Amino acid sequence: MIGKIILIFIAGFIVDLLVTKYTDYVARKKRGKATAISGIITLAEFMLIAFIIKDISSNDYISILALASGNCLGTFWATKSI
């Protein structure tokens, strides 16, 4: 259980780093790189959401909290290094 939560957190962190990089590429008008990363982001996010929905029990929202926390830390980390 804890290993799954840590993996979801790390996945959320990485996806948010990609989202920040995607935004940077869009701002710098690098269409090819933005397009490629957009596809990767969409695939990763839908896979994560499907995994969480498939695995979630009736009152267990820890996985959602882990994903949201990973996203938050990913945004903080990415914007701190800009």
Protein backbone atom coordinates (compact mmCIF):
# COMPACT_ATOMS: atom_id res chain seq x y z
CA MET A 1 0.00 0.00 0.00
CA ILE A 2 2.66 2.55 0.98
CA GLY A 3 4.77 1.62 -2.04
CA LYS A 4 1.80 2.27 -4.35
CA ILE A 5 1.21 5.66 -2.75
CA ILE A 6 4.88 6.63 -3.14
CA LEU A 7 4.84 5.58 -6.80
CA ILE A 8 1.69 7.64 -7.45
CA PHE A 9 3.30 10.63 -5.71
CA ILE A 10 6.46 10.30 -7.85
CA ALA A 11 4.38 9.90 -11.01
CA GLY A 12 2.42 13.06 -10.15
CA PHE A 13 5.67 14.91 -9.55
CA ILE A 14 7.13 13.82 -12.90
CA VAL A 15 3.95 14.58 -14.83
CA ASP A 16 3.86 18.08 -13.40
CA LEU A 17 7.49 18.64 -14.35
CA LEU A 18 6.50 17.67 -17.89
CA VAL A 19 3.54 20.05 -17.81
CA THR A 20 5.85 22.88 -16.79
CA LYS A 21 8.28 22.00 -19.58
CA TYR A 22 5.36 21.84 -22.01
CA THR A 23 4.28 25.35 -20.96
CA ASP A 24 7.83 26.57 -21.48
CA TYR A 25 7.94 25.07 -24.99
CA VAL A 26 4.60 26.67 -25.88
CA ALA A 27 5.80 30.05 -24.62
CA ARG A 28 8.96 29.73 -26.72
CA LYS A 29 6.90 28.55 -29.74
CA LYS A 30 8.66 25.18 -30.07
CA ARG A 31 5.72 23.38 -31.64
CA GLY A 32 7.31 20.00 -32.21
CA LYS A 33 8.56 19.58 -28.65
CA ALA A 34 5.31 20.96 -27.19
CA THR A 35 3.28 18.55 -29.31
CA ALA A 36 5.35 15.52 -28.30
CA ILE A 37 5.25 16.34 -24.60
CA SER A 38 1.51 17.04 -24.81
CA GLY A 39 0.91 13.48 -25.99
CA ILE A 40 3.10 12.04 -23.24
CA ILE A 41 1.33 14.12 -20.59
CA THR A 42 -2.12 13.07 -21.78
CA LEU A 43 -1.17 9.40 -21.85
CA ALA A 44 0.46 9.51 -18.40
CA GLU A 45 -2.39 11.42 -16.76
CA PHE A 46 -5.11 9.13 -18.12
CA MET A 47 -3.14 6.05 -17.11
CA LEU A 48 -2.69 7.43 -13.59
CA ILE A 49 -6.34 8.37 -13.25
CA ALA A 50 -7.48 4.98 -14.57
CA PHE A 51 -5.13 3.23 -12.12
CA ILE A 52 -6.41 5.28 -9.19
CA ILE A 53 -10.07 4.79 -10.11
CA LYS A 54 -9.59 1.06 -10.63
CA ASP A 55 -7.74 0.65 -7.34
CA ILE A 56 -9.65 3.00 -5.07
CA SER A 57 -11.89 1.66 -2.34
CA SER A 58 -15.06 3.39 -1.23
CA ASN A 59 -13.45 5.75 1.29
CA ASP A 60 -9.77 5.62 0.38
CA TYR A 61 -8.73 8.93 -1.11
CA ILE A 62 -5.06 8.61 -0.17
CA SER A 63 -4.09 7.86 -3.78
CA ILE A 64 -5.78 11.04 -4.99
CA LEU A 65 -4.07 13.02 -2.24
CA ALA A 66 -0.70 11.47 -3.18
CA LEU A 67 -1.18 12.44 -6.84
CA ALA A 68 -2.25 15.99 -5.96
CA SER A 69 0.69 16.35 -3.57
CA GLY A 70 3.10 15.15 -6.24
CA ASN A 71 1.63 17.66 -8.68
CA CYS A 72 2.00 20.47 -6.15
CA LEU A 73 5.61 19.62 -5.38
CA GLY A 74 6.34 19.23 -9.09
CA THR A 75 5.05 22.73 -9.79
CA PHE A 76 7.02 24.17 -6.89
CA TRP A 77 10.22 22.40 -7.95
CA ALA A 78 9.89 23.34 -11.63
CA THR A 79 9.12 27.00 -11.00
CA LYS A 80 11.88 27.27 -8.44
CA SER A 81 14.48 26.22 -11.01
CA ILE A 82 13.28 28.68 -13.68
